[in-house]
Amino acid sequence: ASLGNTSTTLSGVASAGAPIAGAAISVLSSNGLYLEATATTNSNGAFQLSIDTQTYTPPYLLKITKSSGQSTGNYYAYASANASSGILVTPISNATLGLAANENLDKIFASGSIPSALTTSNIDSALDKIYAASSNVFNALSVTDKSKLLVNANYSANGSGQDASLDAVSFSSGSATDGSVVVGSKLTGNSVKIDNSTALS
């Protein structure tokens, strides 16, 4: 059956430094409906799924779930109607969305409601903090365009360039109750906790 022009394709790559392969994909739409994709992420961490935007209204919170093997856990990304391809689902997107919403992402997804704080402007300012906290690594890898940390149609989960930052820096949830993030260096073991009130300096 044809959906006419109400269908859009969400596509991107899931990576935690290595591709997140064989992971389940689900989507929470802004009207509170869940879509479970039949396809999983492929061996390169790439995914694509078609979604009916009339039934499932954008924006969306994507969830990639890896239940065993390497890189287990839940990874989240935000997709708007006009930014539906090149979506990166990584520890960086997790950290950025958690900070932007100041809420634990597993809790948000389970609640069935995308919080009003999850706006593109809040996501952008959270990304500024994430970038600043690990700017030395990003600079060394020539990652100068911050926006490409969340949306990059040319991304490859190959452990080089931008993807290599995930091997050098760890991003983990700082709390089960808010969106704070612990940014750590995998090289030195140093870490810093950033939260909603952290200044950019």
N, C-alpha and C. Protein backbone atom coordinates (compact mmCIF):
# COMPACT_ATOMS: atom_id res chain seq x y z
N ALA A 1 0.85 -1.20 0.00
CA ALA A 1 0.00 0.00 0.00
C ALA A 1 0.88 1.24 0.00
N SER A 2 0.50 2.21 -0.78
CA SER A 2 1.30 3.44 -0.85
C SER A 2 0.86 4.40 0.25
N LEU A 3 1.83 5.02 0.86
CA LEU A 3 1.53 6.00 1.91
C LEU A 3 1.44 7.41 1.34
N GLY A 4 1.55 7.51 0.02
CA GLY A 4 1.56 8.84 -0.56
C GLY A 4 2.83 9.55 -0.13
N ASN A 5 2.73 10.84 0.16
CA ASN A 5 3.93 11.58 0.52
C ASN A 5 4.03 11.81 2.02
N THR A 6 3.35 10.99 2.82
CA THR A 6 3.41 11.19 4.27
C THR A 6 4.50 10.34 4.91
N SER A 7 5.30 9.69 4.07
CA SER A 7 6.33 8.82 4.62
C SER A 7 7.69 9.47 4.49
N THR A 8 8.51 9.31 5.53
CA THR A 8 9.88 9.80 5.45
C THR A 8 10.81 8.69 5.91
N THR A 9 12.05 8.75 5.48
CA THR A 9 13.02 7.74 5.87
C THR A 9 13.99 8.33 6.87
N LEU A 10 14.13 7.65 8.00
CA LEU A 10 15.13 8.04 9.00
C LEU A 10 16.34 7.14 8.77
N SER A 11 17.51 7.75 8.60
CA SER A 11 18.69 6.94 8.35
C SER A 11 19.90 7.54 9.05
N GLY A 12 20.86 6.69 9.32
CA GLY A 12 22.07 7.17 9.98
C GLY A 12 22.98 6.02 10.38
N VAL A 13 23.84 6.30 11.36
CA VAL A 13 24.84 5.33 11.80
C VAL A 13 24.88 5.32 13.33
N ALA A 14 24.95 4.12 13.88
CA ALA A 14 25.14 3.96 15.33
C ALA A 14 26.56 3.48 15.59
N SER A 15 27.28 4.22 16.42
CA SER A 15 28.67 3.86 16.70
C SER A 15 29.03 4.21 18.13
N ALA A 16 29.83 3.34 18.73
CA ALA A 16 30.39 3.65 20.05
C ALA A 16 31.91 3.56 19.95
N GLY A 17 32.44 3.96 18.79
CA GLY A 17 33.87 3.80 18.52
C GLY A 17 34.06 2.62 17.59
N ALA A 18 33.25 1.59 17.81
CA ALA A 18 33.09 0.51 16.83
C ALA A 18 31.63 0.55 16.42
N PRO A 19 31.31 0.06 15.23
CA PRO A 19 29.90 0.10 14.82
C PRO A 19 29.02 -0.66 15.81
N ILE A 20 27.86 -0.12 16.08
CA ILE A 20 26.90 -0.84 16.93
C ILE A 20 26.03 -1.66 15.97
N ALA A 21 26.42 -2.94 15.79
CA ALA A 21 25.79 -3.79 14.78
C ALA A 21 24.71 -4.67 15.40
N GLY A 22 23.70 -5.00 14.61
CA GLY A 22 22.66 -5.92 15.05
C GLY A 22 21.83 -5.41 16.20
N ALA A 23 21.68 -4.10 16.29
CA ALA A 23 20.94 -3.51 17.41
C ALA A 23 19.49 -3.21 17.00
N ALA A 24 18.59 -3.34 17.94
CA ALA A 24 17.17 -3.06 17.70
C ALA A 24 16.96 -1.55 17.63
N ILE A 25 16.01 -1.14 16.80
CA ILE A 25 15.73 0.28 16.60
C ILE A 25 14.27 0.55 16.95
N SER A 26 14.03 1.50 17.82
CA SER A 26 12.66 1.92 18.08
C SER A 26 12.58 3.43 18.10
N VAL A 27 11.40 3.94 17.88
CA VAL A 27 11.20 5.38 17.73
C VAL A 27 10.01 5.80 18.59
N LEU A 28 10.19 6.88 19.33
CA LEU A 28 9.08 7.52 20.05
C LEU A 28 8.74 8.80 19.28
N SER A 29 7.49 8.91 18.85
CA SER A 29 7.10 10.11 18.11
C SER A 29 6.54 11.15 19.06
N SER A 30 6.44 12.38 18.59
CA SER A 30 6.03 13.47 19.47
C SER A 30 4.57 13.34 19.91
N ASN A 31 3.79 12.51 19.21
CA ASN A 31 2.41 12.29 19.68
C ASN A 31 2.30 11.06 20.58
N GLY A 32 3.45 10.55 21.03
CA GLY A 32 3.42 9.51 22.06
C GLY A 32 3.31 8.09 21.54
N LEU A 33 3.40 7.89 20.24
CA LEU A 33 3.34 6.53 19.69
C LEU A 33 4.75 5.98 19.51
N TYR A 34 4.86 4.67 19.68
CA TYR A 34 6.14 3.99 19.47
C TYR A 34 6.11 3.21 18.17
N LEU A 35 7.22 3.24 17.46
CA LEU A 35 7.40 2.40 16.28
C LEU A 35 8.59 1.50 16.52
N GLU A 36 8.37 0.18 16.41
CA GLU A 36 9.48 -0.77 16.52
C GLU A 36 9.88 -1.14 15.10
N ALA A 37 11.11 -0.88 14.73
CA ALA A 37 11.56 -1.20 13.37
C ALA A 37 11.78 -2.70 13.24
N THR A 38 11.50 -3.23 12.07
CA THR A 38 11.75 -4.65 11.85
C THR A 38 13.23 -4.88 11.58
N ALA A 39 13.86 -3.92 10.91
CA ALA A 39 15.29 -4.06 10.60
C ALA A 39 16.13 -3.69 11.82
N THR A 40 17.35 -4.23 11.86
CA THR A 40 18.30 -3.84 12.91
C THR A 40 19.45 -3.07 12.24
N THR A 41 20.36 -2.55 13.05
CA THR A 41 21.52 -1.88 12.47
C THR A 41 22.40 -2.92 11.76
N ASN A 42 23.03 -2.54 10.66
CA ASN A 42 23.83 -3.51 9.92
C ASN A 42 25.25 -3.59 10.48
N SER A 43 26.12 -4.34 9.81
CA SER A 43 27.46 -4.59 10.35
C SER A 43 28.30 -3.32 10.43
N ASN A 44 27.92 -2.27 9.67
CA ASN A 44 28.61 -0.99 9.76
C ASN A 44 27.93 -0.03 10.72
N GLY A 45 26.91 -0.51 11.43
CA GLY A 45 26.17 0.33 12.35
C GLY A 45 25.12 1.18 11.66
N ALA A 46 24.99 1.03 10.34
CA ALA A 46 24.05 1.86 9.58
C ALA A 46 22.62 1.34 9.74
N PHE A 47 21.69 2.25 9.63
CA PHE A 47 20.28 1.86 9.73
C PHE A 47 19.45 2.77 8.84
N GLN A 48 18.29 2.27 8.46
CA GLN A 48 17.31 3.14 7.83
C GLN A 48 15.94 2.53 8.02
N LEU A 49 14.96 3.38 8.29
CA LEU A 49 13.61 2.91 8.46
C LEU A 49 12.65 3.95 7.93
N SER A 50 11.54 3.45 7.43
CA SER A 50 10.53 4.34 6.87
C SER A 50 9.49 4.60 7.95
N ILE A 51 9.03 5.83 8.06
CA ILE A 51 8.05 6.16 9.09
C ILE A 51 6.96 7.04 8.46
N ASP A 52 5.72 6.74 8.82
CA ASP A 52 4.59 7.52 8.31
C ASP A 52 4.42 8.74 9.21
N THR A 53 4.71 9.92 8.66
CA THR A 53 4.73 11.12 9.48
C THR A 53 3.34 11.60 9.90
N GLN A 54 2.29 11.04 9.26
CA GLN A 54 0.94 11.40 9.70
C GLN A 54 0.55 10.63 10.95
N THR A 55 0.90 9.35 10.94
CA THR A 55 0.61 8.51 12.11
C THR A 55 1.56 8.85 13.25
N TYR A 56 2.84 8.89 12.90
CA TYR A 56 3.89 9.16 13.89
C TYR A 56 4.43 10.57 13.60
N THR A 57 3.99 11.54 14.39
CA THR A 57 4.36 12.92 14.06
C THR A 57 5.76 13.25 14.58
N PRO A 58 6.55 13.97 13.77
CA PRO A 58 7.88 14.39 14.21
C PRO A 58 7.76 15.55 15.20
N PRO A 59 8.81 15.87 15.94
CA PRO A 59 10.13 15.21 15.95
C PRO A 59 10.10 13.86 16.65
N TYR A 60 11.21 13.14 16.53
CA TYR A 60 11.31 11.79 17.06
C TYR A 60 12.49 11.64 18.01
N LEU A 61 12.32 10.71 18.94
CA LEU A 61 13.45 10.26 19.75
C LEU A 61 13.73 8.83 19.32
N LEU A 62 14.90 8.62 18.73
CA LEU A 62 15.30 7.28 18.29
C LEU A 62 16.04 6.58 19.40
N LYS A 63 15.79 5.28 19.52
CA LYS A 63 16.50 4.48 20.51
C LYS A 63 17.10 3.26 19.81
N ILE A 64 18.40 3.08 20.00
CA ILE A 64 19.11 1.92 19.46
C ILE A 64 19.51 1.08 20.67
N THR A 65 19.08 -0.17 20.69
CA THR A 65 19.34 -1.03 21.85
C THR A 65 20.20 -2.22 21.46
N LYS A 66 21.35 -2.32 22.09
CA LYS A 66 22.26 -3.44 21.85
C LYS A 66 22.25 -4.28 23.11
N SER A 67 21.76 -5.52 22.99
CA SER A 67 21.52 -6.28 24.21
C SER A 67 22.67 -7.21 24.59
N SER A 68 23.58 -7.50 23.66
CA SER A 68 24.70 -8.37 24.03
C SER A 68 25.91 -8.06 23.16
N GLY A 69 27.07 -8.59 23.57
CA GLY A 69 28.29 -8.36 22.80
C GLY A 69 28.88 -7.00 23.07
N GLN A 70 29.57 -6.45 22.07
CA GLN A 70 30.23 -5.15 22.21
C GLN A 70 29.20 -4.02 22.31
N SER A 71 29.55 -2.99 23.05
CA SER A 71 28.76 -1.74 23.07
C SER A 71 27.31 -1.94 23.51
N THR A 72 27.10 -2.81 24.51
CA THR A 72 25.72 -3.01 24.97
C THR A 72 25.19 -1.74 25.60
N GLY A 73 23.88 -1.57 25.53
CA GLY A 73 23.25 -0.42 26.16
C GLY A 73 22.24 0.22 25.23
N ASN A 74 21.71 1.35 25.69
CA ASN A 74 20.76 2.13 24.91
C ASN A 74 21.42 3.40 24.42
N TYR A 75 21.19 3.73 23.18
CA TYR A 75 21.74 4.94 22.57
C TYR A 75 20.58 5.71 21.93
N TYR A 76 20.61 7.02 22.08
CA TYR A 76 19.48 7.83 21.62
C TYR A 76 19.93 8.92 20.65
N ALA A 77 19.01 9.31 19.79
CA ALA A 77 19.24 10.45 18.90
C ALA A 77 17.91 11.14 18.68
N TYR A 78 17.99 12.40 18.28
CA TYR A 78 16.82 13.23 18.04
C TYR A 78 16.73 13.47 16.54
N ALA A 79 15.55 13.31 16.00
CA ALA A 79 15.38 13.54 14.56
C ALA A 79 14.18 14.43 14.33
N SER A 80 14.39 15.50 13.58
CA SER A 80 13.27 16.35 13.22
C SER A 80 12.86 16.01 11.80
N ALA A 81 11.74 16.54 11.36
CA ALA A 81 11.24 16.20 10.03
C ALA A 81 12.22 16.61 8.95
N ASN A 82 12.96 17.69 9.19
CA ASN A 82 13.86 18.17 8.14
C ASN A 82 15.31 17.75 8.38
N ALA A 83 15.57 16.94 9.39
CA ALA A 83 16.93 16.39 9.59
C ALA A 83 16.78 14.91 9.85
N SER A 84 16.45 14.17 8.79
CA SER A 84 16.12 12.77 8.97
C SER A 84 17.17 11.81 8.43
N SER A 85 18.20 12.35 7.75
CA SER A 85 19.26 11.46 7.28
C SER A 85 20.59 11.88 7.90
N GLY A 86 21.51 10.93 7.97
CA GLY A 86 22.81 11.21 8.57
C GLY A 86 22.74 11.33 10.09
N ILE A 87 21.71 10.72 10.69
CA ILE A 87 21.54 10.79 12.14
C ILE A 87 22.61 9.94 12.82
N LEU A 88 23.36 10.53 13.75
CA LEU A 88 24.38 9.77 14.47
C LEU A 88 23.84 9.39 15.84
N VAL A 89 23.91 8.10 16.14
CA VAL A 89 23.45 7.58 17.43
C VAL A 89 24.69 7.06 18.14
N THR A 90 25.19 7.83 19.09
CA THR A 90 26.49 7.56 19.71
C THR A 90 26.45 7.97 21.18
N PRO A 91 27.50 7.65 21.92
CA PRO A 91 27.58 8.19 23.29
C PRO A 91 27.51 9.72 23.31
N ILE A 92 27.94 10.37 22.23
CA ILE A 92 27.87 11.84 22.17
C ILE A 92 26.41 12.30 22.04
N SER A 93 25.63 11.62 21.19
CA SER A 93 24.22 12.02 21.08
C SER A 93 23.50 11.75 22.39
N ASN A 94 23.82 10.63 23.05
CA ASN A 94 23.24 10.37 24.38
C ASN A 94 23.51 11.52 25.34
N ALA A 95 24.79 11.87 25.43
CA ALA A 95 25.19 12.90 26.39
C ALA A 95 24.52 14.23 26.07
N THR A 96 24.47 14.57 24.79
CA THR A 96 23.91 15.85 24.38
C THR A 96 22.42 15.93 24.68
N LEU A 97 21.67 14.87 24.35
CA LEU A 97 20.22 14.90 24.58
C LEU A 97 19.89 14.88 26.06
N GLY A 98 20.65 14.11 26.83
CA GLY A 98 20.41 14.08 28.28
C GLY A 98 20.61 15.45 28.90
N LEU A 99 21.71 16.10 28.51
CA LEU A 99 21.99 17.45 29.01
C LEU A 99 20.90 18.43 28.59
N ALA A 100 20.49 18.34 27.31
CA ALA A 100 19.51 19.29 26.79
C ALA A 100 18.19 19.18 27.53
N ALA A 101 17.77 17.96 27.81
CA ALA A 101 16.48 17.75 28.48
C ALA A 101 16.63 17.80 29.99
N ASN A 102 17.88 17.73 30.48
CA ASN A 102 18.18 17.59 31.91
C ASN A 102 17.37 16.45 32.51
N GLU A 103 17.37 15.33 31.81
CA GLU A 103 16.58 14.18 32.24
C GLU A 103 17.26 12.92 31.74
N ASN A 104 17.10 11.84 32.49
CA ASN A 104 17.64 10.56 32.07
C ASN A 104 16.87 10.05 30.85
N LEU A 105 17.60 9.68 29.80
CA LEU A 105 16.95 9.34 28.53
C LEU A 105 16.13 8.07 28.59
N ASP A 106 16.57 7.08 29.36
CA ASP A 106 15.76 5.86 29.49
C ASP A 106 14.39 6.20 30.09
N LYS A 107 14.41 7.11 31.06
CA LYS A 107 13.15 7.53 31.69
C LYS A 107 12.25 8.26 30.69
N ILE A 108 12.86 9.16 29.90
CA ILE A 108 12.09 9.90 28.90
C ILE A 108 11.43 8.93 27.92
N PHE A 109 12.21 8.00 27.40
CA PHE A 109 11.69 7.10 26.37
C PHE A 109 10.56 6.25 26.93
N ALA A 110 10.74 5.77 28.17
CA ALA A 110 9.72 4.93 28.79
C ALA A 110 8.45 5.72 29.09
N SER A 111 8.60 7.03 29.29
CA SER A 111 7.44 7.84 29.66
C SER A 111 6.48 8.05 28.50
N GLY A 112 6.96 7.87 27.29
CA GLY A 112 6.11 8.05 26.12
C GLY A 112 5.88 9.50 25.75
N SER A 113 6.68 10.38 26.31
CA SER A 113 6.49 11.79 26.03
C SER A 113 7.84 12.49 25.85
N ILE A 114 8.03 13.10 24.68
CA ILE A 114 9.27 13.85 24.44
C ILE A 114 9.15 15.19 25.18
N PRO A 115 10.06 15.48 26.10
CA PRO A 115 9.91 16.70 26.92
C PRO A 115 10.06 17.97 26.11
N SER A 116 9.37 19.01 26.56
CA SER A 116 9.41 20.29 25.84
C SER A 116 10.82 20.88 25.84
N ALA A 117 11.65 20.48 26.81
CA ALA A 117 13.02 21.01 26.86
C ALA A 117 13.88 20.46 25.72
N LEU A 118 13.43 19.39 25.09
CA LEU A 118 14.22 18.80 24.01
C LEU A 118 13.93 19.55 22.71
N THR A 119 14.53 20.73 22.60
CA THR A 119 14.37 21.55 21.41
C THR A 119 15.71 21.63 20.70
N THR A 120 15.70 22.02 19.43
CA THR A 120 16.97 22.11 18.71
C THR A 120 17.89 23.14 19.35
N SER A 121 17.35 24.22 19.89
CA SER A 121 18.25 25.22 20.49
C SER A 121 18.87 24.70 21.78
N ASN A 122 18.10 23.98 22.60
CA ASN A 122 18.67 23.39 23.81
C ASN A 122 19.70 22.31 23.46
N ILE A 123 19.40 21.56 22.40
CA ILE A 123 20.34 20.53 21.96
C ILE A 123 21.64 21.18 21.48
N ASP A 124 21.53 22.29 20.75
CA ASP A 124 22.72 22.99 20.28
C ASP A 124 23.57 23.51 21.44
N SER A 125 22.94 24.07 22.46
CA SER A 125 23.74 24.60 23.56
C SER A 125 24.33 23.47 24.40
N ALA A 126 23.63 22.35 24.51
CA ALA A 126 24.22 21.19 25.21
C ALA A 126 25.42 20.67 24.43
N LEU A 127 25.31 20.67 23.10
CA LEU A 127 26.41 20.21 22.26
C LEU A 127 27.63 21.12 22.43
N ASP A 128 27.40 22.41 22.60
CA ASP A 128 28.50 23.34 22.86
C ASP A 128 29.29 22.91 24.09
N LYS A 129 28.57 22.50 25.14
CA LYS A 129 29.25 22.09 26.39
C LYS A 129 30.02 20.79 26.19
N ILE A 130 29.38 19.83 25.49
CA ILE A 130 30.04 18.55 25.23
C ILE A 130 31.32 18.77 24.42
N TYR A 131 31.21 19.63 23.41
CA TYR A 131 32.37 19.91 22.56
C TYR A 131 33.48 20.58 23.37
N ALA A 132 33.09 21.55 24.19
CA ALA A 132 34.08 22.28 24.98
C ALA A 132 34.80 21.35 25.97
N ALA A 133 34.05 20.39 26.51
CA ALA A 133 34.64 19.51 27.52
C ALA A 133 35.70 18.59 26.93
N SER A 134 35.64 18.37 25.63
CA SER A 134 36.62 17.48 24.99
C SER A 134 37.19 18.11 23.74
N SER A 135 37.28 19.44 23.76
CA SER A 135 37.71 20.16 22.55
C SER A 135 39.13 19.81 22.12
N ASN A 136 39.99 19.50 23.09
CA ASN A 136 41.37 19.15 22.71
C ASN A 136 41.40 17.91 21.82
N VAL A 137 40.55 16.94 22.16
CA VAL A 137 40.48 15.72 21.34
C VAL A 137 39.89 16.03 19.97
N PHE A 138 38.77 16.78 19.96
CA PHE A 138 38.13 17.09 18.68
C PHE A 138 39.06 17.91 17.78
N ASN A 139 39.78 18.86 18.38
CA ASN A 139 40.71 19.66 17.60
C ASN A 139 41.81 18.80 16.99
N ALA A 140 42.33 17.88 17.81
CA ALA A 140 43.41 17.01 17.33
C ALA A 140 42.94 16.14 16.17
N LEU A 141 41.64 15.82 16.13
CA LEU A 141 41.10 14.98 15.06
C LEU A 141 40.50 15.83 13.94
N SER A 142 40.72 17.15 14.01
CA SER A 142 40.19 18.08 13.00
C SER A 142 38.66 18.06 12.92
N VAL A 143 38.01 17.82 14.05
CA VAL A 143 36.55 17.92 14.09
C VAL A 143 36.21 19.34 14.52
N THR A 144 36.01 20.21 13.54
CA THR A 144 35.77 21.61 13.87
C THR A 144 34.31 21.99 13.74
N ASP A 145 33.55 21.19 12.99
CA ASP A 145 32.13 21.49 12.82
C ASP A 145 31.34 20.67 13.83
N LYS A 146 30.95 21.33 14.94
CA LYS A 146 30.25 20.63 16.02
C LYS A 146 28.99 19.92 15.57
N SER A 147 28.26 20.55 14.65
CA SER A 147 26.98 19.99 14.25
C SER A 147 27.13 18.58 13.67
N LYS A 148 28.33 18.32 13.10
CA LYS A 148 28.56 17.00 12.50
C LYS A 148 28.68 15.89 13.54
N LEU A 149 28.76 16.26 14.82
CA LEU A 149 28.78 15.24 15.86
C LEU A 149 27.40 14.60 16.04
N LEU A 150 26.36 15.28 15.56
CA LEU A 150 25.00 14.74 15.68
C LEU A 150 24.40 14.35 14.34
N VAL A 151 24.75 15.08 13.30
CA VAL A 151 24.21 14.76 11.97
C VAL A 151 25.34 14.87 10.96
N ASN A 152 25.65 13.74 10.32
CA ASN A 152 26.74 13.73 9.35
C ASN A 152 26.49 12.59 8.36
N ALA A 153 26.01 12.95 7.18
CA ALA A 153 25.65 11.93 6.19
C ALA A 153 26.87 11.18 5.67
N ASN A 154 28.07 11.72 5.88
CA ASN A 154 29.28 11.05 5.39
C ASN A 154 30.01 10.28 6.48
N TYR A 155 29.34 10.05 7.59
CA TYR A 155 30.00 9.41 8.74
C TYR A 155 30.28 7.95 8.46
N SER A 156 31.42 7.51 8.88
CA SER A 156 31.73 6.09 8.80
C SER A 156 32.26 5.62 10.15
N ALA A 157 31.68 4.54 10.67
CA ALA A 157 32.11 4.01 11.97
C ALA A 157 33.35 3.16 11.77
N ASN A 158 34.45 3.82 11.39
CA ASN A 158 35.66 3.09 11.00
C ASN A 158 36.84 3.37 11.93
N GLY A 159 36.58 4.04 13.05
CA GLY A 159 37.65 4.26 14.01
C GLY A 159 38.64 5.33 13.62
N SER A 160 38.37 6.07 12.53
CA SER A 160 39.28 7.17 12.17
C SER A 160 38.50 8.47 12.12
N GLY A 161 39.24 9.58 12.04
CA GLY A 161 38.58 10.88 11.97
C GLY A 161 37.64 11.10 13.13
N GLN A 162 36.44 11.58 12.80
CA GLN A 162 35.46 11.90 13.83
C GLN A 162 35.15 10.69 14.72
N ASP A 163 35.06 9.51 14.10
CA ASP A 163 34.71 8.31 14.86
C ASP A 163 35.77 7.99 15.91
N ALA A 164 37.02 8.40 15.65
CA ALA A 164 38.11 8.10 16.58
C ALA A 164 37.92 8.82 17.92
N SER A 165 37.13 9.91 17.92
CA SER A 165 36.92 10.61 19.19
C SER A 165 36.24 9.71 20.21
N LEU A 166 35.45 8.74 19.72
CA LEU A 166 34.75 7.84 20.64
C LEU A 166 35.70 6.82 21.26
N ASP A 167 36.88 6.67 20.66
CA ASP A 167 37.89 5.79 21.26
C ASP A 167 38.74 6.54 22.28
N ALA A 168 38.73 7.87 22.19
CA ALA A 168 39.58 8.67 23.07
C ALA A 168 38.82 9.24 24.26
N VAL A 169 37.51 9.46 24.07
CA VAL A 169 36.72 10.13 25.09
C VAL A 169 35.51 9.27 25.42
N SER A 170 35.22 9.16 26.71
CA SER A 170 34.02 8.42 27.11
C SER A 170 32.97 9.40 27.58
N PHE A 171 31.73 9.09 27.28
CA PHE A 171 30.60 9.93 27.70
C PHE A 171 29.62 8.99 28.40
N SER A 172 29.41 9.21 29.68
CA SER A 172 28.47 8.33 30.36
C SER A 172 27.50 9.15 31.19
N SER A 173 26.36 8.55 31.45
CA SER A 173 25.33 9.24 32.21
C SER A 173 25.83 9.45 33.64
N GLY A 174 25.67 10.68 34.12
CA GLY A 174 26.14 10.99 35.46
C GLY A 174 25.14 10.64 36.54
N SER A 175 23.91 10.35 36.14
CA SER A 175 22.85 10.15 37.13
C SER A 175 21.66 9.47 36.49
N ALA A 176 20.92 8.72 37.30
CA ALA A 176 19.70 8.08 36.78
C ALA A 176 18.52 9.04 36.84
N THR A 177 18.72 10.19 37.49
CA THR A 177 17.58 11.08 37.69
C THR A 177 17.65 12.37 36.90
N ASP A 178 18.85 12.74 36.44
CA ASP A 178 18.92 13.95 35.62
C ASP A 178 19.79 13.69 34.40
N GLY A 179 20.07 14.75 33.66
CA GLY A 179 20.79 14.58 32.40
C GLY A 179 22.27 14.85 32.49
N SER A 180 22.83 14.86 33.71
CA SER A 180 24.26 15.17 33.83
C SER A 180 25.11 14.09 33.16
N VAL A 181 26.28 14.50 32.74
CA VAL A 181 27.15 13.64 31.94
C VAL A 181 28.56 13.65 32.52
N VAL A 182 29.19 12.49 32.55
CA VAL A 182 30.59 12.42 32.92
C VAL A 182 31.40 12.23 31.63
N VAL A 183 32.24 13.20 31.34
CA VAL A 183 33.10 13.14 30.16
C VAL A 183 34.48 12.73 30.65
N GLY A 184 35.00 11.63 30.12
CA GLY A 184 36.28 11.13 30.59
C GLY A 184 37.25 10.90 29.46
N SER A 185 38.53 11.02 29.76
CA SER A 185 39.56 10.69 28.78
C SER A 185 39.93 9.23 28.94
N LYS A 186 39.84 8.46 27.85
CA LYS A 186 40.24 7.05 27.92
C LYS A 186 41.76 6.93 27.94
N LEU A 187 42.44 8.05 27.64
CA LEU A 187 43.90 8.02 27.59
C LEU A 187 44.50 8.34 28.96
N THR A 188 43.95 9.36 29.64
CA THR A 188 44.54 9.79 30.91
C THR A 188 43.74 9.32 32.11
N GLY A 189 42.48 8.93 31.88
CA GLY A 189 41.64 8.55 33.01
C GLY A 189 41.00 9.73 33.72
N ASN A 190 41.34 10.96 33.31
CA ASN A 190 40.71 12.13 33.93
C ASN A 190 39.27 12.25 33.47
N SER A 191 38.40 12.77 34.36
CA SER A 191 37.03 12.97 33.94
C SER A 191 36.46 14.24 34.55
N VAL A 192 35.42 14.75 33.93
CA VAL A 192 34.76 15.95 34.42
C VAL A 192 33.26 15.72 34.29
N LYS A 193 32.51 16.17 35.30
CA LYS A 193 31.06 16.03 35.24
C LYS A 193 30.46 17.35 34.80
N ILE A 194 29.60 17.30 33.79
CA ILE A 194 28.93 18.53 33.36
C ILE A 194 27.42 18.32 33.49
N ASP A 195 26.76 19.39 33.86
CA ASP A 195 25.30 19.29 33.98
C ASP A 195 24.68 20.56 33.44
N ASN A 196 23.37 20.67 33.69
CA ASN A 196 22.57 21.76 33.16
C ASN A 196 23.11 23.14 33.53
N SER A 197 23.76 23.23 34.69
CA SER A 197 24.20 24.54 35.16
C SER A 197 25.65 24.86 34.80
N THR A 198 26.33 23.89 34.17
CA THR A 198 27.73 24.10 33.81
C THR A 198 27.89 25.26 32.84
N ALA A 199 28.79 26.18 33.16
CA ALA A 199 29.05 27.28 32.24
C ALA A 199 29.98 26.81 31.14
N LEU A 200 29.99 27.54 30.04
CA LEU A 200 30.78 27.11 28.88
C LEU A 200 32.28 27.35 29.04
N SER A 201 32.66 28.10 30.04
CA SER A 201 34.08 28.51 30.11
C SER A 201 35.00 27.31 30.25
